[in-house]
Amino acid sequence: MKGGRRVERRASRLAAVSAAVAAWIVGILLQFHPMLLSGLRRIQSDWGDTRLNNYILEHGYRWLLGFPGHERFWSPPVFYPAPNTAAYSDVLLGVAPFYWPWRLVGFVPDTAFQLWLLTIATLNFASALLLFSRGFRCRPVAAAAGAMLLSFASVRTAQVMHAQLIPFFYIALAILAVLEIFDPEPELRAGIMSVERRTAWVFVLAGAVVAQLYSSFYYAWFLIFALALAAAWAVAMPGTRRRTLLAVRANLGALAGAALASALLLAPLITHYLQAERQVGTRSFLVVERMLPRPESWAYMGPGSWLYGWLAARASFHDLPMEHEQRLGLGIATIVCAAIGLWIARRRRDVQFAVIVPLLMALLATEWPGGFTAWRLIYLVVPGASALRAVSRIGVALLLPAALGVALLIDAVARPQRIPPSRAALALKRRDRRKRALIVTAMLAAIVAEQMQQPPSYDKGEGRARIARVANGIGAGCRAFLYTTIGGADDPWNYHADAMWASMERDVPTINGYSGNQPPAWTFYDIRVHTPTTDSAVGDSLARWATRWHLDPARICRVRTPPGE
């Protein structure tokens, strides 16, 4: 009997590992098939943001090792010599340690970046698997399916171009910590009026929030906003108020200590971000409004969707502003499966919160017909909201209830039927198991098909050639340089990325730059020079910049090359 149980447990563990590995492989291929199937010859996704994030990671690596020109972390050698320009964008310090080892073992920056992407995606999946299995108590196959959707859904693949938005494993850990801290139900069911302290989970929550802030401001702000909404809802509702207050009282000391430790750890980041805000100001609501999600956004999956790409040509979707930021759809089958699963588990408190909070966030962010949006009030009164430009990225929050609903439905479908013992029981159980496996397989096939995208990518060798074209024009006596193209129809920021990497290659600072903001009085955004008049205007701007920063104009080189398109 004992031997039979051991064999059964071993088979169960093997099935769980197999489900997780299969889901990870499918998900990795969904999100990175252009890169993987090319043998890492191609990089996702575009010439601009992809190389910007690679530059940020590489600058952090060179700062860590004390490379010349990278001694000051907050002032990388771009937009030279303007200070604190790292604070114009995400600094990626929370996820940079997963890039550094690839560089230390000898991989060149662009290959290390590709391996970093795969590492982060794997951490996302592992943390999501833990969240669904431990936090939401899903069985292995259901947890693997939910983790795959949460990590590799179409809405996430659409943001591969923004590598700072790929890591979300800290968010998954934060949600798991909240579930562990604020789940005193076992004690209450036993009639106990106190709750155990969960100090370790309090510090996991705090550490995850801090690490996410050092990784991506957008997702960190969305996480904090979601926690605030969840806390308000928990206290407002009679059914959860008592449980929540008991948990807070039990962990009050740990919460205070974690808050103080978080404030100390975040002080440098906040100081530099506030300094950058004083330099460049905040964005007006007119800028933000263009990137609010519309009702159509929640059904739109972009032109790269294998099943729904044809919708991009329809007028209702074609006219979406900043279309590439509005790809928030999940597909019909996925939504239906998620809705059924959530309905089945509708009485569970954790499921209710996993639905209510993200849905409320989506409703607040959406701009409705006629131009009405509640986000205008959020922008005005909630700290940090005015720093968000692409508010449509909040759509990733709805992935949690969608993935949870799919996991819960698979859990319900895969649960074996109770059959009374009899001679025919074994055959009936096998037949029932096969039927349920076929249903689960069909559901997963439909969901995976809906998440399939053809994300853009570029040839790594071509990217290196673009950089070399600029680097070869930097003379030995250059103190700094400004790169301008001779003509060119590509977006200007792609040429700036060429210059930033050429600066890295030659260890010469550049006045070029590309980030979420620009220094005051920096007038070099469009460096595509088509006429002698334009070239002269660039020279005048360069003279004014040199005067502003007390630079020797004779030591600033002008690098002019045909565009590396």
Protein backbone atom coordinates (compact mmCIF):
# COMPACT_ATOMS: atom_id res chain seq x y z
CA MET A 1 0.00 0.00 0.00
CA LYS A 2 2.78 2.44 0.97
CA GLY A 3 4.71 1.57 -2.19
CA GLY A 4 1.61 2.29 -4.26
CA ARG A 5 1.19 5.70 -2.64
CA ARG A 6 4.85 6.53 -3.29
CA VAL A 7 4.46 5.61 -6.96
CA GLU A 8 1.29 7.68 -7.17
CA ARG A 9 2.99 10.70 -5.56
CA ARG A 10 5.99 10.33 -7.89
CA ALA A 11 3.68 10.18 -10.90
CA SER A 12 1.81 13.22 -9.65
CA ARG A 13 5.04 15.22 -9.24
CA LEU A 14 6.20 14.16 -12.68
CA ALA A 15 2.88 15.25 -14.19
CA ALA A 16 3.14 18.63 -12.44
CA VAL A 17 6.71 19.21 -13.66
CA SER A 18 5.78 18.08 -17.18
CA ALA A 19 2.82 20.47 -17.29
CA ALA A 20 4.97 23.37 -16.10
CA VAL A 21 7.79 22.65 -18.58
CA ALA A 22 5.36 22.24 -21.48
CA ALA A 23 3.57 25.50 -20.62
CA TRP A 24 6.91 27.33 -20.33
CA ILE A 25 8.12 26.04 -23.71
CA VAL A 26 4.87 27.02 -25.44
CA GLY A 27 4.93 30.45 -23.80
CA ILE A 28 8.57 31.17 -24.61
CA LEU A 29 7.94 30.27 -28.25
CA LEU A 30 4.81 32.42 -28.32
CA GLN A 31 6.69 35.48 -27.12
CA PHE A 32 10.15 35.03 -28.63
CA HIS A 33 9.83 32.79 -31.68
CA PRO A 34 11.40 35.33 -34.10
CA MET A 35 14.48 35.47 -31.89
CA LEU A 36 14.67 31.78 -30.98
CA LEU A 37 13.95 30.34 -34.42
CA SER A 38 16.67 32.57 -35.90
CA GLY A 39 19.24 31.12 -33.51
CA LEU A 40 19.47 34.52 -31.74
CA ARG A 41 20.39 36.17 -35.04
CA ARG A 42 17.38 38.47 -34.74
CA ILE A 43 16.51 40.73 -31.79
CA GLN A 44 13.04 41.77 -30.73
CA SER A 45 11.71 44.27 -31.30
CA ASP A 46 12.70 47.64 -32.87
CA TRP A 47 15.75 49.88 -33.42
CA GLY A 48 14.73 52.42 -30.78
CA ASP A 49 13.32 51.24 -27.45
CA THR A 50 14.99 47.84 -27.62
CA ARG A 51 18.46 49.33 -27.92
CA LEU A 52 17.64 52.03 -25.36
CA ASN A 53 16.89 49.38 -22.74
CA ASN A 54 19.95 47.39 -23.75
CA TYR A 55 22.00 50.60 -23.34
CA ILE A 56 20.56 51.21 -19.87
CA LEU A 57 21.46 47.67 -18.78
CA GLU A 58 24.93 47.95 -20.30
CA HIS A 59 25.54 51.32 -18.66
CA GLY A 60 24.62 49.78 -15.30
CA TYR A 61 27.04 46.93 -15.93
CA ARG A 62 29.87 49.30 -16.85
CA TRP A 63 29.08 51.50 -13.85
CA LEU A 64 29.25 48.42 -11.61
CA LEU A 65 32.75 47.60 -12.91
CA GLY A 66 33.93 51.23 -13.00
CA PHE A 67 34.40 51.58 -16.76
CA PRO A 68 35.68 55.00 -17.91
CA GLY A 69 32.84 57.37 -18.75
CA HIS A 70 30.33 55.38 -16.68
CA GLU A 71 31.51 56.27 -13.18
CA ARG A 72 28.32 58.25 -12.43
CA PHE A 73 25.30 55.98 -12.64
CA TRP A 74 22.73 58.79 -12.83
CA SER A 75 24.64 60.64 -15.56
CA PRO A 76 25.45 58.25 -18.43
CA PRO A 77 27.55 59.74 -21.29
CA VAL A 78 24.54 60.76 -23.42
CA PHE A 79 22.89 64.18 -23.73
CA TYR A 80 26.44 65.19 -22.76
CA PRO A 81 27.13 66.83 -20.38
CA ALA A 82 23.61 67.24 -18.93
CA PRO A 83 23.43 65.55 -15.50
CA ASN A 84 20.91 63.11 -14.04
CA THR A 85 19.67 61.96 -17.44
CA ALA A 86 19.31 58.34 -16.28
CA ALA A 87 16.27 59.55 -14.32
CA TYR A 88 14.50 60.43 -17.59
CA SER A 89 13.60 56.76 -17.97
CA ASP A 90 13.45 53.49 -16.02
CA VAL A 91 16.86 52.62 -14.59
CA LEU A 92 16.24 48.83 -14.59
CA LEU A 93 18.37 48.33 -11.47
CA GLY A 94 15.83 45.88 -10.06
CA VAL A 95 16.35 43.52 -12.99
CA ALA A 96 19.91 44.42 -14.06
CA PRO A 97 21.45 41.67 -11.85
CA PHE A 98 19.96 39.16 -14.29
CA TYR A 99 21.87 40.84 -17.16
CA TRP A 100 25.23 41.19 -15.47
CA PRO A 101 26.08 37.45 -15.26
CA TRP A 102 25.64 37.03 -19.02
CA ARG A 103 28.13 39.84 -19.58
CA LEU A 104 30.54 38.51 -16.96
CA VAL A 105 30.77 35.12 -18.66
CA GLY A 106 31.71 36.81 -21.94
CA PHE A 107 28.58 37.42 -24.02
CA VAL A 108 28.57 40.68 -26.01
CA PRO A 109 25.90 43.27 -25.05
CA ASP A 110 23.24 42.48 -27.66
CA THR A 111 23.46 38.72 -27.08
CA ALA A 112 23.47 39.25 -23.30
CA PHE A 113 20.32 41.33 -23.77
CA GLN A 114 18.61 38.47 -25.60
CA LEU A 115 19.56 36.03 -22.86
CA TRP A 116 18.34 38.55 -20.28
CA LEU A 117 14.96 38.64 -22.03
CA LEU A 118 14.68 34.86 -21.82
CA THR A 119 15.80 34.87 -18.18
CA ILE A 120 13.22 37.49 -17.21
CA ALA A 121 10.46 35.64 -19.08
CA THR A 122 11.37 32.45 -17.20
CA LEU A 123 11.28 34.26 -13.85
CA ASN A 124 7.88 35.69 -14.80
CA PHE A 125 6.55 32.21 -15.48
CA ALA A 126 8.04 30.70 -12.32
CA SER A 127 6.60 33.43 -10.10
CA ALA A 128 3.19 33.17 -11.80
CA LEU A 129 3.24 29.40 -11.29
CA LEU A 130 3.92 29.94 -7.60
CA LEU A 131 1.16 32.54 -7.40
CA PHE A 132 -1.48 30.26 -8.90
CA SER A 133 -0.42 27.08 -7.13
CA ARG A 134 0.18 28.48 -3.65
CA GLY A 135 -1.70 31.78 -3.65
CA PHE A 136 -4.87 30.70 -5.48
CA ARG A 137 -4.53 26.96 -4.69
CA CYS A 138 -4.81 25.72 -8.27
CA ARG A 139 -3.82 22.20 -9.28
CA PRO A 140 -0.59 21.78 -11.29
CA VAL A 141 -2.05 21.70 -14.81
CA ALA A 142 -4.36 24.64 -14.07
CA ALA A 143 -1.55 26.62 -12.42
CA ALA A 144 0.72 25.99 -15.42
CA ALA A 145 -1.98 27.15 -17.85
CA GLY A 146 -2.72 30.28 -15.82
CA ALA A 147 0.99 31.06 -15.49
CA MET A 148 1.45 30.69 -19.24
CA LEU A 149 -1.35 33.14 -20.02
CA LEU A 150 -0.26 35.63 -17.38
CA SER A 151 3.34 35.54 -18.61
CA PHE A 152 3.00 35.19 -22.37
CA ALA A 153 -0.38 36.57 -23.43
CA SER A 154 -0.69 38.63 -26.60
CA VAL A 155 -0.97 41.87 -24.61
CA ARG A 156 2.46 41.17 -23.11
CA THR A 157 4.05 40.14 -26.40
CA ALA A 158 2.84 43.46 -27.84
CA GLN A 159 5.05 45.21 -25.27
CA VAL A 160 8.27 43.29 -25.95
CA MET A 161 9.44 46.46 -27.70
CA HIS A 162 9.38 48.06 -24.24
CA ALA A 163 11.68 45.67 -22.40
CA GLN A 164 11.16 47.54 -19.13
CA LEU A 165 7.57 46.26 -19.20
CA ILE A 166 8.50 42.59 -19.54
CA PRO A 167 9.53 41.91 -15.90
CA PHE A 168 6.54 41.42 -13.63
CA PHE A 169 7.75 38.65 -11.31
CA TYR A 170 8.06 41.14 -8.46
CA ILE A 171 4.37 41.97 -8.93
CA ALA A 172 3.44 38.28 -8.79
CA LEU A 173 5.43 37.95 -5.55
CA ALA A 174 3.72 41.05 -4.14
CA ILE A 175 0.26 39.63 -4.90
CA LEU A 176 1.24 36.31 -3.32
CA ALA A 177 2.48 38.15 -0.23
CA VAL A 178 -0.82 40.04 0.06
CA LEU A 179 -2.74 36.77 -0.15
CA GLU A 180 -0.53 35.28 2.58
CA ILE A 181 -0.75 38.32 4.89
CA PHE A 182 -4.45 39.07 4.58
CA ASP A 183 -5.87 35.57 4.73
CA PRO A 184 -6.79 35.05 8.38
CA GLU A 185 -9.81 32.97 7.38
CA PRO A 186 -8.50 29.69 8.88
CA GLU A 187 -8.22 31.32 12.31
CA LEU A 188 -11.63 32.99 12.03
CA ARG A 189 -13.28 29.73 11.02
CA ALA A 190 -11.82 28.14 14.15
CA GLY A 191 -13.32 30.93 16.27
CA ILE A 192 -9.94 32.48 17.09
CA MET A 193 -10.13 36.29 17.33
CA SER A 194 -6.45 36.91 16.63
CA VAL A 195 -4.32 36.33 13.58
CA GLU A 196 -0.78 35.01 13.33
CA ARG A 197 1.96 37.47 12.44
CA ARG A 198 3.28 37.04 8.93
CA THR A 199 6.41 39.17 9.24
CA ALA A 200 8.35 37.43 6.49
CA TRP A 201 5.56 37.99 3.97
CA VAL A 202 5.27 41.65 4.96
CA PHE A 203 8.92 42.15 4.05
CA VAL A 204 8.48 40.13 0.85
CA LEU A 205 5.71 42.55 -0.11
CA ALA A 206 7.81 45.60 0.71
CA GLY A 207 10.86 44.20 -1.07
CA ALA A 208 8.84 43.38 -4.16
CA VAL A 209 7.41 46.91 -4.35
CA VAL A 210 10.86 48.47 -3.93
CA ALA A 211 12.42 46.17 -6.53
CA GLN A 212 9.59 46.89 -8.97
CA LEU A 213 10.08 50.63 -8.56
CA TYR A 214 13.75 50.19 -9.40
CA SER A 215 12.70 48.12 -12.44
CA SER A 216 9.72 49.87 -14.04
CA PHE A 217 7.91 52.94 -12.75
CA TYR A 218 4.74 52.20 -14.74
CA TYR A 219 4.17 48.74 -13.34
CA ALA A 220 5.23 49.80 -9.86
CA TRP A 221 2.74 52.67 -9.90
CA PHE A 222 -0.02 50.37 -11.15
CA LEU A 223 0.84 47.89 -8.38
CA ILE A 224 0.72 50.53 -5.63
CA PHE A 225 -2.50 51.96 -7.07
CA ALA A 226 -4.02 48.46 -7.10
CA LEU A 227 -2.97 47.83 -3.49
CA ALA A 228 -4.55 51.12 -2.44
CA LEU A 229 -7.82 50.25 -4.21
CA ALA A 230 -7.81 46.77 -2.69
CA ALA A 231 -7.23 48.17 0.80
CA ALA A 232 -10.04 50.71 0.41
CA TRP A 233 -12.41 48.04 -0.85
CA ALA A 234 -11.46 45.59 1.91
CA VAL A 235 -12.13 48.15 4.63
CA ALA A 236 -15.34 49.44 3.03
CA MET A 237 -16.99 46.02 2.63
CA PRO A 238 -18.48 44.53 5.82
CA GLY A 239 -17.59 41.00 4.74
CA THR A 240 -13.86 41.72 4.62
CA ARG A 241 -13.40 44.63 7.02
CA ARG A 242 -12.97 42.51 10.14
CA ARG A 243 -10.50 40.13 8.53
CA THR A 244 -8.45 42.98 7.08
CA LEU A 245 -8.24 44.96 10.33
CA LEU A 246 -7.26 41.85 12.28
CA ALA A 247 -4.42 41.17 9.82
CA VAL A 248 -3.25 44.79 9.99
CA ARG A 249 -3.26 44.78 13.78
CA ALA A 250 -1.33 41.51 13.94
CA ASN A 251 1.33 42.78 11.52
CA LEU A 252 1.39 46.47 12.47
CA GLY A 253 4.97 46.45 13.70
CA ALA A 254 6.24 44.60 10.66
CA LEU A 255 4.28 46.90 8.33
CA ALA A 256 5.79 49.99 9.99
CA GLY A 257 9.31 48.55 9.85
CA ALA A 258 8.92 47.50 6.22
CA ALA A 259 7.58 50.95 5.29
CA LEU A 260 10.58 52.65 6.94
CA ALA A 261 13.07 50.29 5.27
CA SER A 262 11.37 50.83 1.90
CA ALA A 263 11.54 54.61 2.28
CA LEU A 264 15.27 54.45 3.00
CA LEU A 265 15.93 52.16 0.03
CA LEU A 266 13.85 54.32 -2.30
CA ALA A 267 15.30 57.66 -1.19
CA PRO A 268 18.00 57.81 -3.93
CA LEU A 269 15.53 56.87 -6.67
CA ILE A 270 12.90 59.37 -5.51
CA THR A 271 15.49 62.13 -5.11
CA HIS A 272 16.78 61.73 -8.66
CA TYR A 273 13.31 61.37 -10.17
CA LEU A 274 12.11 64.53 -8.42
CA GLN A 275 15.20 66.36 -9.61
CA ALA A 276 14.45 65.25 -13.19
CA GLU A 277 10.85 66.39 -12.80
CA ARG A 278 12.05 69.85 -11.74
CA GLN A 279 14.31 69.93 -14.80
CA VAL A 280 11.84 68.84 -17.48
CA GLY A 281 8.44 69.35 -15.84
CA THR A 282 5.41 67.06 -16.01
CA ARG A 283 3.34 66.12 -19.02
CA SER A 284 0.11 67.96 -19.73
CA PHE A 285 -3.13 65.98 -19.70
CA LEU A 286 -3.47 66.58 -23.46
CA VAL A 287 -0.38 64.39 -23.95
CA VAL A 288 -1.72 61.74 -21.56
CA GLU A 289 -5.18 61.75 -23.11
CA ARG A 290 -3.90 60.45 -26.45
CA MET A 291 -2.68 57.29 -24.77
CA LEU A 292 -5.70 56.46 -22.65
CA PRO A 293 -7.37 53.18 -23.65
CA ARG A 294 -10.64 53.42 -25.59
CA PRO A 295 -13.47 50.85 -25.39
CA GLU A 296 -12.21 49.39 -28.68
CA SER A 297 -8.75 48.89 -27.18
CA TRP A 298 -9.98 46.04 -24.99
CA ALA A 299 -10.81 44.01 -28.12
CA TYR A 300 -7.85 45.10 -30.25
CA MET A 301 -4.84 42.80 -30.65
CA GLY A 302 -2.81 44.62 -33.30
CA PRO A 303 -1.91 43.84 -36.91
CA GLY A 304 0.54 41.13 -35.82
CA SER A 305 -2.16 38.91 -34.32
CA TRP A 306 -2.41 35.67 -36.30
CA LEU A 307 -6.18 35.35 -35.75
CA TYR A 308 -7.34 38.92 -35.24
CA GLY A 309 -4.84 41.01 -37.19
CA TRP A 310 -7.46 41.73 -39.86
CA LEU A 311 -9.29 43.95 -37.35
CA ALA A 312 -6.49 46.52 -37.61
CA ALA A 313 -7.82 47.60 -41.02
CA ARG A 314 -11.33 48.33 -39.74
CA ALA A 315 -12.13 52.00 -39.14
CA SER A 316 -13.02 51.61 -35.45
CA PHE A 317 -9.56 50.19 -34.73
CA HIS A 318 -7.58 51.91 -37.45
CA ASP A 319 -8.21 55.31 -35.86
CA LEU A 320 -6.97 54.39 -32.38
CA PRO A 321 -4.39 56.98 -31.27
CA MET A 322 -0.93 55.53 -30.58
CA GLU A 323 -2.17 52.22 -31.93
CA HIS A 324 0.87 50.26 -30.76
CA GLU A 325 0.02 51.10 -27.14
CA GLN A 326 -3.63 50.05 -27.48
CA ARG A 327 -3.25 46.31 -28.14
CA LEU A 328 -5.07 45.12 -25.04
CA GLY A 329 -7.28 42.32 -26.38
CA LEU A 330 -7.09 38.67 -25.36
CA GLY A 331 -9.38 36.92 -27.83
CA ILE A 332 -12.95 35.64 -27.67
CA ALA A 333 -12.26 32.08 -26.50
CA THR A 334 -9.86 33.28 -23.81
CA ILE A 335 -12.37 35.78 -22.44
CA VAL A 336 -15.21 33.24 -22.46
CA CYS A 337 -13.11 30.61 -20.67
CA ALA A 338 -11.92 33.18 -18.13
CA ALA A 339 -15.46 34.42 -17.47
CA ILE A 340 -16.77 30.89 -16.88
CA GLY A 341 -13.92 30.07 -14.52
CA LEU A 342 -14.40 33.25 -12.52
CA TRP A 343 -18.13 32.65 -12.30
CA ILE A 344 -17.56 29.14 -10.94
CA ALA A 345 -15.37 30.56 -8.14
CA ARG A 346 -17.35 33.78 -7.67
CA ARG A 347 -17.87 33.24 -3.92
CA ARG A 348 -14.16 33.12 -3.13
CA ARG A 349 -12.91 36.36 -1.59
CA ASP A 350 -9.50 36.18 -3.25
CA VAL A 351 -11.13 35.72 -6.64
CA GLN A 352 -13.48 38.65 -6.03
CA PHE A 353 -10.57 40.97 -5.29
CA ALA A 354 -8.61 39.64 -8.28
CA VAL A 355 -11.54 40.70 -10.50
CA ILE A 356 -12.83 43.88 -8.86
CA VAL A 357 -9.54 45.76 -8.51
CA PRO A 358 -8.20 45.29 -12.08
CA LEU A 359 -11.66 45.90 -13.55
CA LEU A 360 -11.97 49.14 -11.59
CA MET A 361 -8.53 50.22 -12.79
CA ALA A 362 -9.54 49.57 -16.40
CA LEU A 363 -12.80 51.48 -16.04
CA LEU A 364 -11.06 54.47 -14.46
CA ALA A 365 -8.43 54.60 -17.23
CA THR A 366 -10.74 54.23 -20.23
CA GLU A 367 -11.80 57.26 -22.25
CA TRP A 368 -15.43 56.77 -23.20
CA PRO A 369 -17.30 58.15 -26.24
CA GLY A 370 -17.70 61.89 -25.93
CA GLY A 371 -14.28 62.27 -24.31
CA PHE A 372 -15.32 61.44 -20.74
CA THR A 373 -12.68 59.76 -18.56
CA ALA A 374 -12.30 59.46 -14.81
CA TRP A 375 -8.56 59.44 -15.32
CA ARG A 376 -8.53 63.23 -15.46
CA LEU A 377 -9.26 63.24 -11.72
CA ILE A 378 -6.67 60.53 -11.06
CA TYR A 379 -4.12 62.61 -12.99
CA LEU A 380 -4.84 65.64 -10.81
CA VAL A 381 -5.02 64.14 -7.32
CA VAL A 382 -3.10 60.84 -7.14
CA PRO A 383 0.66 61.24 -6.55
CA GLY A 384 2.78 60.10 -9.46
CA ALA A 385 -0.13 59.81 -11.91
CA SER A 386 0.98 62.91 -13.84
CA ALA A 387 4.27 61.13 -14.67
CA LEU A 388 2.41 58.42 -16.60
CA ARG A 389 2.09 59.01 -20.33
CA ALA A 390 1.10 55.61 -21.75
CA VAL A 391 -1.77 54.94 -19.35
CA SER A 392 -3.06 52.25 -21.72
CA ARG A 393 -0.37 49.98 -20.26
CA ILE A 394 -2.68 49.58 -17.29
CA GLY A 395 -4.42 46.99 -19.45
CA VAL A 396 -1.92 44.40 -18.24
CA ALA A 397 -3.79 44.42 -14.91
CA LEU A 398 -6.73 42.60 -16.52
CA LEU A 399 -4.42 39.72 -17.33
CA LEU A 400 -4.57 38.58 -13.71
CA PRO A 401 -8.33 37.87 -13.59
CA ALA A 402 -8.22 36.47 -17.14
CA ALA A 403 -5.40 34.04 -16.34
CA LEU A 404 -6.97 33.17 -12.99
CA GLY A 405 -10.33 32.49 -14.64
CA VAL A 406 -8.71 30.17 -17.18
CA ALA A 407 -6.85 28.34 -14.40
CA LEU A 408 -10.01 27.96 -12.33
CA LEU A 409 -11.98 26.61 -15.30
CA ILE A 410 -9.28 24.07 -16.10
CA ASP A 411 -9.22 23.11 -12.43
CA ALA A 412 -12.97 22.51 -12.52
CA VAL A 413 -12.95 20.61 -15.82
CA ALA A 414 -9.92 18.47 -14.95
CA ARG A 415 -11.27 17.48 -11.53
CA PRO A 416 -12.01 13.73 -11.77
CA GLN A 417 -15.58 12.57 -11.42
CA ARG A 418 -16.44 10.67 -8.27
CA ILE A 419 -17.39 7.15 -9.30
CA PRO A 420 -18.54 4.57 -6.70
CA PRO A 421 -16.25 1.53 -6.45
CA SER A 422 -17.27 -1.29 -8.74
CA ARG A 423 -15.88 -3.62 -11.36
CA ALA A 424 -16.45 -1.04 -14.05
CA ALA A 425 -15.12 1.87 -11.96
CA LEU A 426 -11.55 1.71 -13.32
CA ALA A 427 -12.70 1.77 -16.95
CA LEU A 428 -15.14 4.60 -16.21
CA LYS A 429 -12.42 6.62 -14.49
CA ARG A 430 -10.08 6.19 -17.44
CA ARG A 431 -12.79 7.18 -19.91
CA ASP A 432 -13.71 10.21 -17.78
CA ARG A 433 -10.04 11.21 -17.49
CA ARG A 434 -9.55 11.01 -21.26
CA LYS A 435 -12.67 13.07 -21.92
CA ARG A 436 -11.62 15.77 -19.50
CA ALA A 437 -8.08 15.82 -20.90
CA LEU A 438 -9.49 16.33 -24.42
CA ILE A 439 -11.66 19.23 -23.24
CA VAL A 440 -8.72 20.88 -21.44
CA THR A 441 -6.49 20.37 -24.50
CA ALA A 442 -9.09 21.92 -26.80
CA MET A 443 -9.48 24.94 -24.52
CA LEU A 444 -5.75 25.46 -24.25
CA ALA A 445 -5.29 25.10 -28.01
CA ALA A 446 -7.88 27.82 -28.63
CA ILE A 447 -6.34 30.12 -26.00
CA VAL A 448 -2.80 29.62 -27.33
CA ALA A 449 -3.95 30.23 -30.90
CA GLU A 450 -5.49 33.54 -29.86
CA GLN A 451 -2.27 34.71 -28.22
CA MET A 452 -0.10 34.06 -31.30
CA GLN A 453 1.58 37.20 -32.65
CA GLN A 454 4.22 38.00 -35.24
CA PRO A 455 6.31 40.54 -33.29
CA PRO A 456 8.81 42.71 -35.17
CA SER A 457 12.52 42.01 -35.00
CA TYR A 458 15.76 43.17 -36.61
CA ASP A 459 18.98 41.52 -37.67
CA LYS A 460 21.66 41.72 -35.00
CA GLY A 461 24.43 41.98 -37.58
CA GLU A 462 22.71 44.93 -39.23
CA GLY A 463 22.43 46.64 -35.86
CA ARG A 464 26.14 46.23 -35.27
CA ALA A 465 26.86 47.63 -38.74
CA ARG A 466 24.80 50.74 -37.98
CA ILE A 467 26.82 51.33 -34.83
CA ALA A 468 30.16 50.75 -36.57
CA ARG A 469 29.21 53.26 -39.29
CA VAL A 470 28.95 55.98 -36.65
CA ALA A 471 31.85 54.80 -34.48
CA ASN A 472 34.24 54.88 -37.45
CA GLY A 473 33.56 58.60 -37.86
CA ILE A 474 34.62 59.52 -34.31
CA GLY A 475 38.12 60.98 -34.44
CA ALA A 476 40.86 60.31 -31.91
CA GLY A 477 40.86 63.88 -30.59
CA CYS A 478 37.12 64.11 -29.92
CA ARG A 479 36.12 65.19 -26.44
CA ALA A 480 32.47 64.60 -27.40
CA PHE A 481 30.51 64.21 -30.62
CA LEU A 482 27.18 64.91 -32.26
CA TYR A 483 25.94 62.51 -34.92
CA THR A 484 23.71 63.71 -37.75
CA THR A 485 22.61 61.73 -40.79
CA ILE A 486 22.96 62.88 -44.37
CA GLY A 487 19.31 62.53 -45.25
CA GLY A 488 17.36 59.59 -43.94
CA ALA A 489 13.69 58.70 -43.52
CA ASP A 490 13.89 56.57 -40.39
CA ASP A 491 12.54 57.82 -37.07
CA PRO A 492 15.09 60.18 -35.45
CA TRP A 493 15.35 58.20 -32.21
CA ASN A 494 16.75 55.22 -34.12
CA TYR A 495 19.69 57.36 -35.26
CA HIS A 496 20.17 58.61 -31.71
CA ALA A 497 20.35 54.97 -30.56
CA ASP A 498 23.09 54.40 -33.17
CA ALA A 499 25.04 57.30 -31.69
CA MET A 500 24.55 56.14 -28.09
CA TRP A 501 25.98 52.72 -28.87
CA ALA A 502 28.82 54.22 -30.93
CA SER A 503 29.64 56.36 -27.88
CA MET A 504 29.73 53.19 -25.78
CA GLU A 505 31.99 51.46 -28.31
CA ARG A 506 34.50 54.33 -28.56
CA ASP A 507 34.29 55.54 -24.93
CA VAL A 508 33.49 59.07 -26.13
CA PRO A 509 30.43 60.88 -24.73
CA THR A 510 27.75 61.97 -27.16
CA ILE A 511 25.40 64.93 -27.28
CA ASN A 512 22.90 62.63 -28.93
CA GLY A 513 20.41 60.91 -26.71
CA TYR A 514 17.11 59.09 -26.57
CA SER A 515 14.98 58.57 -23.48
CA GLY A 516 11.59 59.30 -21.99
CA ASN A 517 12.50 62.99 -21.71
CA GLN A 518 15.09 65.47 -22.98
CA PRO A 519 17.28 67.99 -21.12
CA PRO A 520 16.22 71.65 -21.14
CA ALA A 521 17.50 73.58 -24.20
CA TRP A 522 18.49 70.35 -25.97
CA THR A 523 17.35 70.95 -29.56
CA PHE A 524 18.82 67.97 -31.40
CA TYR A 525 15.83 65.64 -31.63
CA ASP A 526 15.59 65.57 -35.44
CA ILE A 527 19.16 65.02 -36.63
CA ARG A 528 18.23 64.14 -40.20
CA VAL A 529 20.05 66.78 -42.26
CA HIS A 530 18.65 67.16 -45.78
CA THR A 531 20.01 70.57 -46.86
CA PRO A 532 23.02 72.84 -46.18
CA THR A 533 20.64 75.22 -44.41
CA THR A 534 19.56 72.50 -42.00
CA ASP A 535 23.18 71.53 -41.42
CA SER A 536 24.04 75.14 -40.60
CA ALA A 537 21.12 75.32 -38.14
CA VAL A 538 22.42 72.19 -36.38
CA GLY A 539 25.86 73.83 -36.16
CA ASP A 540 24.32 76.93 -34.55
CA SER A 541 22.46 74.76 -32.03
CA LEU A 542 25.67 72.93 -31.22
CA ALA A 543 27.47 76.24 -30.60
CA ARG A 544 24.72 77.34 -28.19
CA TRP A 545 24.88 73.97 -26.38
CA ALA A 546 28.68 74.29 -26.02
CA THR A 547 28.29 77.79 -24.60
CA ARG A 548 25.60 76.65 -22.16
CA TRP A 549 27.82 73.89 -20.74
CA HIS A 550 31.19 75.66 -21.16
CA LEU A 551 32.51 73.12 -23.66
CA ASP A 552 35.35 73.71 -26.08
CA PRO A 553 33.66 73.75 -29.53
CA ALA A 554 36.91 72.65 -31.17
CA ARG A 555 36.82 69.38 -29.23
CA ILE A 556 33.23 68.53 -30.22
CA CYS A 557 33.22 66.44 -33.39
CA ARG A 558 30.45 66.42 -35.96
CA VAL A 559 29.91 62.91 -37.31
CA ARG A 560 28.01 62.87 -40.58
CA THR A 561 27.20 59.59 -42.31
CA PRO A 562 24.53 58.25 -44.65
CA PRO A 563 21.68 56.83 -42.57
CA GLY A 564 22.07 53.26 -41.37
CA GLU A 565 18.54 52.20 -42.21
